[in-house]
Protein backbone atom coordinates (compact mmCIF):
# COMPACT_ATOMS: atom_id res chain seq x y z
CA UNK A 1 0.00 0.00 0.00
CA UNK A 2 1.19 3.51 -0.82
CA UNK A 3 2.00 5.91 2.01
CA UNK A 4 -0.84 8.13 3.14
CA UNK A 5 0.65 11.14 1.35
CA UNK A 6 1.14 8.98 -1.74
CA UNK A 7 -2.48 7.88 -1.66
CA UNK A 8 -3.60 11.51 -1.24
CA UNK A 9 -1.40 12.61 -4.14
CA UNK A 10 -3.00 10.00 -6.39
CA UNK A 11 -6.50 11.00 -5.28
CA UNK A 12 -5.79 14.67 -5.94
CA UNK A 13 -4.47 13.86 -9.38
CA UNK A 14 -7.60 11.86 -10.17
CA UNK A 15 -9.74 14.78 -8.95
CA UNK A 16 -7.60 17.22 -10.97
CA UNK A 17 -6.64 19.19 -7.87
CA UNK A 18 -3.32 21.01 -7.67
CA UNK A 19 -3.84 21.95 -4.00
CA UNK A 20 -5.95 20.95 -1.02
CA UNK A 21 -6.83 22.51 2.33
CA UNK A 22 -7.63 19.87 4.97
CA UNK A 23 -9.51 21.18 8.01
CA UNK A 24 -11.46 18.19 9.38
CA UNK A 25 -9.44 17.17 12.45
CA UNK A 26 -9.65 13.36 11.94
CA UNK A 27 -8.34 13.93 8.39
CA UNK A 28 -5.59 16.17 9.76
CA UNK A 29 -4.60 13.48 12.26
CA UNK A 30 -4.62 10.75 9.62
CA UNK A 31 -2.24 12.74 7.42
CA UNK A 32 0.06 14.23 10.04
CA UNK A 33 -0.30 12.37 13.33
CA UNK A 34 -1.24 15.61 15.07
CA UNK A 35 -3.91 15.26 17.78
CA UNK A 36 -4.52 18.89 18.80
CA UNK A 37 -7.84 20.68 18.54
CA UNK A 38 -6.84 23.42 16.09
CA UNK A 39 -4.95 22.60 12.91
CA UNK A 40 -4.98 22.70 9.13
CA UNK A 41 -2.95 20.68 6.63
CA UNK A 42 -2.31 22.36 3.30
CA UNK A 43 -1.04 20.38 0.34
CA UNK A 44 0.39 21.42 -3.01
CA UNK A 45 1.02 18.97 -5.84
CA UNK A 46 4.19 19.47 -7.88
CA UNK A 47 6.69 17.77 -10.13
CA UNK A 48 8.55 16.43 -7.12
CA UNK A 49 5.46 15.07 -5.42
CA UNK A 50 3.00 16.39 -2.87
CA UNK A 51 4.19 19.05 -0.42
CA UNK A 52 2.29 19.08 2.85
CA UNK A 53 2.48 21.57 5.71
CA UNK A 54 0.68 21.66 9.05
CA UNK A 55 -0.53 24.90 10.61
CA UNK A 56 -1.46 25.13 14.29
CA UNK A 57 -1.44 27.71 17.09
CA UNK A 58 0.98 28.47 19.92
CA UNK A 59 -0.73 26.19 22.43
CA UNK A 60 0.54 23.22 20.47
CA UNK A 61 4.13 24.21 19.65
CA UNK A 62 5.72 21.43 21.69
CA UNK A 63 3.01 18.89 20.91
CA UNK A 64 3.39 19.43 17.18
CA UNK A 65 7.17 18.92 17.45
CA UNK A 66 6.57 15.61 19.19
CA UNK A 67 3.78 14.29 16.98
CA UNK A 68 4.44 15.57 13.46
CA UNK A 69 7.35 13.94 11.65
CA UNK A 70 6.13 13.76 8.07
CA UNK A 71 5.79 17.45 7.20
CA UNK A 72 6.95 20.95 8.24
CA UNK A 73 4.96 22.75 10.93
CA UNK A 74 4.10 26.45 11.01
CA UNK A 75 2.94 28.11 14.25
CA UNK A 76 1.90 31.65 13.28
CA UNK A 77 0.96 34.52 15.57
CA UNK A 78 -2.21 35.15 13.59
CA UNK A 79 -5.12 32.86 12.65
CA UNK A 80 -3.96 29.61 11.10
CA UNK A 81 -6.51 29.87 8.27
CA UNK A 82 -5.00 33.16 7.13
CA UNK A 83 -1.48 31.75 7.36
CA UNK A 84 -2.37 28.62 5.38
CA UNK A 85 -4.04 30.65 2.64
CA UNK A 86 -1.03 32.99 2.44
CA UNK A 87 1.24 29.96 2.00
CA UNK A 88 -0.93 28.74 -0.85
CA UNK A 89 -0.85 32.13 -2.56
CA UNK A 90 2.93 32.46 -2.14
CA UNK A 91 3.21 29.17 -4.00
CA UNK A 92 1.02 30.54 -6.81
CA UNK A 93 -1.91 28.22 -6.19
CA UNK A 94 -4.90 29.37 -8.25
CA UNK A 95 -7.38 26.55 -7.46
CA UNK A 96 -7.56 24.73 -4.12
CA UNK A 97 -9.92 21.98 -3.06
CA UNK A 98 -11.66 21.78 0.30
CA UNK A 99 -13.93 19.17 1.84
CA UNK A 100 -17.39 20.67 1.38
CA UNK A 101 -18.90 17.82 3.41
CA UNK A 102 -17.19 19.02 6.60
CA UNK A 103 -16.37 22.73 6.13
CA UNK A 104 -19.01 25.02 7.59
CA UNK A 105 -20.32 28.13 5.86
CA UNK A 106 -18.55 30.27 8.46
CA UNK A 107 -15.24 28.44 7.91
CA UNK A 108 -15.49 28.82 4.15
CA UNK A 109 -16.14 32.52 4.58
CA UNK A 110 -13.03 32.82 6.78
CA UNK A 111 -11.00 31.03 4.12
CA UNK A 112 -12.26 33.39 1.45
CA UNK A 113 -11.61 36.50 3.56
CA UNK A 114 -7.99 35.44 3.91
CA UNK A 115 -7.50 35.49 0.13
CA UNK A 116 -6.18 38.55 -1.65
CA UNK A 117 -8.97 40.72 -2.99
CA UNK A 118 -10.26 39.78 -6.40
CA UNK A 119 -9.62 36.04 -5.99
CA UNK A 120 -11.95 35.20 -3.13
CA UNK A 121 -14.59 33.43 -5.17
CA UNK A 122 -12.25 31.53 -7.48
CA UNK A 123 -9.54 30.02 -5.28
CA UNK A 124 -11.56 27.39 -3.45
CA UNK A 125 -13.49 24.59 -5.09
CA UNK A 126 -15.55 21.86 -3.40
CA UNK A 127 -13.84 18.47 -3.20
CA UNK A 128 -16.01 16.43 -0.83
CA UNK A 129 -14.56 13.42 0.94
CA UNK A 130 -11.08 13.38 -0.62
CA UNK A 131 -9.31 12.34 2.61
CA UNK A 132 -12.23 10.66 4.38
CA UNK A 133 -12.65 8.29 1.42
CA UNK A 134 -8.99 7.30 1.66
CA UNK A 135 -9.47 6.65 5.37
CA UNK A 136 -12.06 3.97 4.61
CA UNK A 137 -9.29 1.48 3.77
CA UNK A 138 -7.08 1.02 6.83
CA UNK A 139 -3.36 0.28 6.80
CA UNK A 140 -1.66 -2.27 9.07
CA UNK A 141 -1.07 0.18 11.93
CA UNK A 142 -4.70 1.28 11.90
CA UNK A 143 -5.97 -2.29 11.86
CA UNK A 144 -3.75 -3.10 14.84
CA UNK A 145 -5.15 -0.13 16.79
CA UNK A 146 -8.72 -1.05 15.88
CA UNK A 147 -8.16 -4.68 16.88
CA UNK A 148 -6.75 -3.66 20.28
CA UNK A 149 -9.62 -1.25 20.91
CA UNK A 150 -12.14 -3.95 19.97
CA UNK A 151 -10.54 -6.48 22.29
CA UNK A 152 -10.62 -4.01 25.19
CA UNK A 153 -14.33 -3.46 24.52
CA UNK A 154 -14.88 -7.21 24.56
CA UNK A 155 -13.03 -7.55 27.86
CA UNK A 156 -15.15 -4.82 29.44
CA UNK A 157 -18.37 -6.43 28.21
CA UNK A 158 -17.44 -9.89 29.43
CA UNK A 159 -16.41 -8.45 32.81
CA UNK A 160 -19.76 -6.61 32.98
CA UNK A 161 -21.65 -9.90 32.82
CA UNK A 162 -20.23 -10.78 36.21
CA UNK A 163 -21.60 -7.78 38.07
CA UNK A 164 -24.70 -6.47 36.29
CA UNK A 165 -27.90 -7.42 38.12
CA UNK A 166 -31.57 -6.45 38.55
CA UNK A 167 -32.10 -3.34 40.64
CA UNK A 168 -29.21 -1.37 39.15
CA UNK A 169 -30.15 1.66 37.10
CA UNK A 170 -29.18 1.86 33.46
CA UNK A 171 -27.15 4.98 34.26
CA UNK A 172 -25.26 3.18 37.02
CA UNK A 173 -24.35 0.34 34.65
CA UNK A 174 -23.09 2.81 32.04
CA UNK A 175 -21.13 4.81 34.63
CA UNK A 176 -19.46 1.74 36.11
CA UNK A 177 -18.55 0.40 32.69
CA UNK A 178 -17.06 3.74 31.59
CA UNK A 179 -15.12 4.02 34.86
CA UNK A 180 -13.62 0.57 34.33
CA UNK A 181 -12.81 1.46 30.72
CA UNK A 182 -10.69 4.42 31.77
CA UNK A 183 -8.92 2.36 34.43
CA UNK A 184 -8.16 -0.23 31.74
CA UNK A 185 -6.45 2.36 29.55
CA UNK A 186 -9.17 3.73 27.29
CA UNK A 187 -8.62 7.35 26.24
CA UNK A 188 -12.37 7.90 26.15
CA UNK A 189 -15.56 6.18 25.10
CA UNK A 190 -16.30 6.07 21.38
CA UNK A 191 -19.80 7.35 22.13
CA UNK A 192 -22.22 7.69 25.03
CA UNK A 193 -22.73 4.13 26.31
CA UNK A 194 -26.20 2.76 25.55
CA UNK A 195 -27.94 0.70 28.23
CA UNK A 196 -31.58 0.13 27.28
CA UNK A 197 -33.70 -2.34 29.23
CA UNK A 198 -37.25 -3.62 28.90
CA UNK A 199 -39.51 -1.31 26.93
CA UNK A 200 -36.62 1.13 26.50
CA UNK A 201 -34.93 -1.49 24.34
CA UNK A 202 -37.45 -0.51 21.70
CA UNK A 203 -35.45 2.71 21.28
CA UNK A 204 -32.57 2.03 18.85
CA UNK A 205 -30.39 4.62 20.57
CA UNK A 206 -31.86 4.66 24.07
CA UNK A 207 -29.51 6.55 26.35
CA UNK A 208 -28.89 5.10 29.78
CA UNK A 209 -31.58 6.42 32.11
CA UNK A 210 -32.67 6.22 35.75
CA UNK A 211 -34.81 3.16 34.94
CA UNK A 212 -33.90 0.15 37.05
CA UNK A 213 -33.11 -3.21 35.48
CA UNK A 214 -35.84 -5.76 36.14
CA UNK A 215 -35.80 -9.56 36.03
CA UNK A 216 -37.55 -10.92 32.95
CA UNK A 217 -36.34 -8.08 30.71
CA UNK A 218 -33.93 -7.84 27.79
CA UNK A 219 -31.03 -5.39 28.17
CA UNK A 220 -29.24 -3.93 25.16
CA UNK A 221 -25.63 -2.89 25.82
CA UNK A 222 -23.90 -0.82 23.13
CA UNK A 223 -20.37 0.26 24.01
CA UNK A 224 -17.11 1.39 22.49
CA UNK A 225 -13.71 2.67 23.62
CA UNK A 226 -10.94 4.70 22.03
CA UNK A 227 -7.31 3.50 21.98
CA UNK A 228 -4.60 5.44 20.13
CA UNK A 229 -7.38 7.51 18.59
CA UNK A 230 -9.23 4.53 17.07
CA UNK A 231 -12.74 3.51 18.06
CA UNK A 232 -14.35 0.22 18.91
CA UNK A 233 -18.06 -0.56 18.63
CA UNK A 234 -19.99 -3.60 19.85
CA UNK A 235 -23.55 -4.38 20.94
CA UNK A 236 -24.90 -7.36 22.82
CA UNK A 237 -28.39 -7.97 24.19
CA UNK A 238 -28.77 -10.14 27.28
CA UNK A 239 -31.71 -11.49 29.27
CA UNK A 240 -32.14 -10.94 33.00
CA UNK A 241 -33.52 -14.26 34.19
CA UNK A 242 -36.30 -14.71 36.72
CA UNK A 243 -35.21 -18.10 38.04
CA UNK A 244 -38.66 -19.47 37.23
CA UNK A 245 -40.08 -21.65 34.47
CA UNK A 246 -39.75 -20.25 30.98
CA UNK A 247 -42.74 -18.00 30.39
CA UNK A 248 -44.44 -17.28 27.08
CA UNK A 249 -43.04 -13.74 27.34
CA UNK A 250 -39.47 -15.03 27.65
CA UNK A 251 -40.00 -17.50 24.83
CA UNK A 252 -41.23 -14.70 22.58
CA UNK A 253 -38.20 -12.56 23.40
CA UNK A 254 -35.91 -15.44 22.66
CA UNK A 255 -37.52 -16.09 19.27
CA UNK A 256 -36.86 -12.48 18.28
CA UNK A 257 -33.32 -12.73 19.61
CA UNK A 258 -32.54 -15.85 17.62
CA UNK A 259 -33.93 -14.24 14.46
CA UNK A 260 -31.76 -11.14 14.90
CA UNK A 261 -28.74 -13.34 15.59
CA UNK A 262 -29.41 -15.31 12.40
CA UNK A 263 -29.68 -12.04 10.45
CA UNK A 264 -26.47 -10.71 11.95
CA UNK A 265 -24.52 -13.86 11.14
CA UNK A 266 -25.89 -13.91 7.58
CA UNK A 267 -24.69 -10.35 7.03
CA UNK A 268 -21.23 -11.18 8.44
CA UNK A 269 -21.06 -14.15 6.07
CA UNK A 270 -21.88 -11.82 3.16
CA UNK A 271 -18.86 -9.60 3.89
CA UNK A 272 -16.17 -10.16 1.27
CA UNK A 273 -14.14 -8.09 -1.19
CA UNK A 274 -16.28 -7.03 -4.13
CA UNK A 275 -19.58 -7.44 -2.30
CA UNK A 276 -21.66 -4.29 -2.34
CA UNK A 277 -22.85 -2.60 0.81
CA UNK A 278 -26.45 -3.15 -0.23
CA UNK A 279 -25.85 -6.88 -0.65
CA UNK A 280 -24.58 -7.15 2.93
CA UNK A 281 -27.53 -5.11 4.17
CA UNK A 282 -29.96 -7.29 2.27
CA UNK A 283 -28.45 -10.48 3.72
CA UNK A 284 -29.61 -9.34 7.16
CA UNK A 285 -32.84 -7.78 6.00
CA UNK A 286 -34.16 -10.85 4.19
CA UNK A 287 -33.94 -12.93 7.39
CA UNK A 288 -35.90 -10.31 9.31
CA UNK A 289 -38.36 -9.98 6.45
CA UNK A 290 -39.11 -13.70 6.44
CA UNK A 291 -39.82 -13.54 10.19
CA UNK A 292 -42.11 -10.52 9.83
CA UNK A 293 -39.64 -8.23 11.60
CA UNK A 294 -38.34 -6.06 8.75
CA UNK A 295 -40.45 -3.05 9.81
CA UNK A 296 -38.94 -3.31 13.29
CA UNK A 297 -35.45 -2.84 11.80
CA UNK A 298 -35.29 0.93 11.39
CA UNK A 299 -31.67 1.69 10.47
CA UNK A 300 -28.92 0.54 8.12
CA UNK A 301 -26.99 -2.65 8.86
CA UNK A 302 -23.69 -0.93 9.62
CA UNK A 303 -21.04 1.70 9.03
CA UNK A 304 -17.30 2.18 8.84
CA UNK A 305 -15.24 2.61 12.03
CA UNK A 306 -11.85 4.28 12.50
CA UNK A 307 -10.69 7.59 13.89
CA UNK A 308 -14.41 8.40 14.00
CA UNK A 309 -17.13 6.10 15.27
CA UNK A 310 -19.18 6.66 12.13
CA UNK A 311 -17.21 6.67 8.87
CA UNK A 312 -17.75 5.37 5.38
CA UNK A 313 -18.81 3.09 3.96
CA UNK A 314 -22.45 2.91 5.01
CA UNK A 315 -23.80 -0.64 4.94
CA UNK A 316 -27.32 0.09 3.78
CA UNK A 317 -29.95 -0.35 1.10
CA UNK A 318 -29.17 1.13 -2.32
CA UNK A 319 -25.49 1.70 -1.44
CA UNK A 320 -23.64 0.36 -4.48
CA UNK A 321 -20.13 0.86 -3.08
CA UNK A 322 -18.04 -2.31 -3.07
CA UNK A 323 -16.17 -3.53 -0.01
CA UNK A 324 -12.37 -3.61 -0.18
CA UNK A 325 -9.76 -5.42 1.92
CA UNK A 326 -8.76 -3.18 4.83
CA UNK A 327 -12.19 -1.69 5.39
CA UNK A 328 -13.46 -2.02 8.97
CA UNK A 329 -17.24 -1.98 9.35
CA UNK A 330 -19.96 -2.81 11.82
CA UNK A 331 -22.70 -5.36 11.27
CA UNK A 332 -25.58 -4.47 13.60
CA UNK A 333 -29.12 -5.49 12.62
CA UNK A 334 -31.82 -5.14 15.24
CA UNK A 335 -35.51 -5.47 15.94
CA UNK A 336 -37.24 -2.81 18.04
CA UNK A 337 -40.74 -3.64 19.24
CA UNK A 338 -42.14 -0.37 20.49
CA UNK A 339 -43.57 -0.57 23.99
CA UNK A 340 -42.21 -4.10 24.49
CA UNK A 341 -38.47 -4.72 24.08
CA UNK A 342 -35.63 -4.58 21.58
CA UNK A 343 -32.70 -6.64 20.37
CA UNK A 344 -29.51 -5.54 18.60
CA UNK A 345 -26.39 -7.61 18.02
CA UNK A 346 -23.29 -5.88 16.63
CA UNK A 347 -19.78 -6.89 15.69
CA UNK A 348 -16.93 -4.89 14.23
CA UNK A 349 -15.64 -6.70 11.15
CA UNK A 350 -12.45 -6.38 9.11
CA UNK A 351 -12.78 -7.01 5.37
CA UNK A 352 -9.91 -9.31 4.39
CA UNK A 353 -8.68 -10.65 1.06
CA UNK A 354 -10.64 -13.85 1.70
CA UNK A 355 -13.74 -12.60 3.50
CA UNK A 356 -14.22 -11.22 6.99
CA UNK A 357 -12.50 -11.27 10.37
CA UNK A 358 -14.66 -10.50 13.40
CA UNK A 359 -12.72 -8.14 15.66
CA UNK A 360 -15.24 -8.40 18.51
CA UNK A 361 -15.35 -12.14 19.32
CA UNK A 362 -17.36 -11.92 22.55
CA UNK A 363 -20.06 -14.63 22.68
CA UNK A 364 -23.38 -13.65 21.13
CA UNK A 365 -25.49 -16.74 21.77
CA UNK A 366 -28.55 -16.21 23.98
CA UNK A 367 -27.17 -15.13 27.37
CA UNK A 368 -29.23 -15.29 30.53
CA UNK A 369 -27.92 -13.60 33.66
């Protein structure tokens, strides 16, 4: 695989861009290694290859020296946007791309104001997703970071099974899990931990609340951690047992669970290079459709994971994009029965040359606590 700058150079050439201004911080980090909260990477294509330069402010002088090895760093006394634009103009750039999918109207206006008068409307041209598209295919270092983050998430989940019990609030479960994650080395959570029990399981993204866990209910646990900047993402749904004979209610919940599990495994099996995102989505959806649960599945089957918890590609209906080795995606079908309960089962999956590798190997068979 080409270096990241080499891949960007090729992408810019294909897009017919002679220059690029990168402002989305995950893209900045991917290109430069810089993790600060205020930075721009400017790139200029030339005969001798792509020249990249990072611009940041005085708060990060030492941090930039430590983190950025692949390009020069400029720490101006004025706004970094103005400095980056001046650098472009000094190098006689007449057309510069920017990611219109992440740049705000206010940011674009600031970029234009920094340009010499008379050129403000012509210098910048939309180039959506140039870097974020490259980030969809991970290199070996990224895959290693994602695998380690996923394994930490699995460890936390499996540890949770030993202490979660009826009577605890959803919020208490989430707080304890997040506390243990930080003690175990996580930089942060990938997202706000979801703990949704009983009827609240019918909410696909039910935030942990003051509701207490009750025996005889399903509990959906959606969690993720960040290690070295890379996110993990995994969901499991468990059953809080009553210690009594299996009731018709429990049997009904288990039937839904087994159907969702079958759909999830079918979608994982469909993951392979060359498969389209819609084909993977349909593999899950057809199982749910046959069981009369398709209308209870209200979101796409998955998404990319990396420096951000939601990246491309989107694993959904009508998405024609083909999977490539090195992509890391989630497979997370669910069924949400409003006013009753919900089930979601999610793995993070690496697309390999031969198929798929599940990065979140925690058990997903019916689990009763």
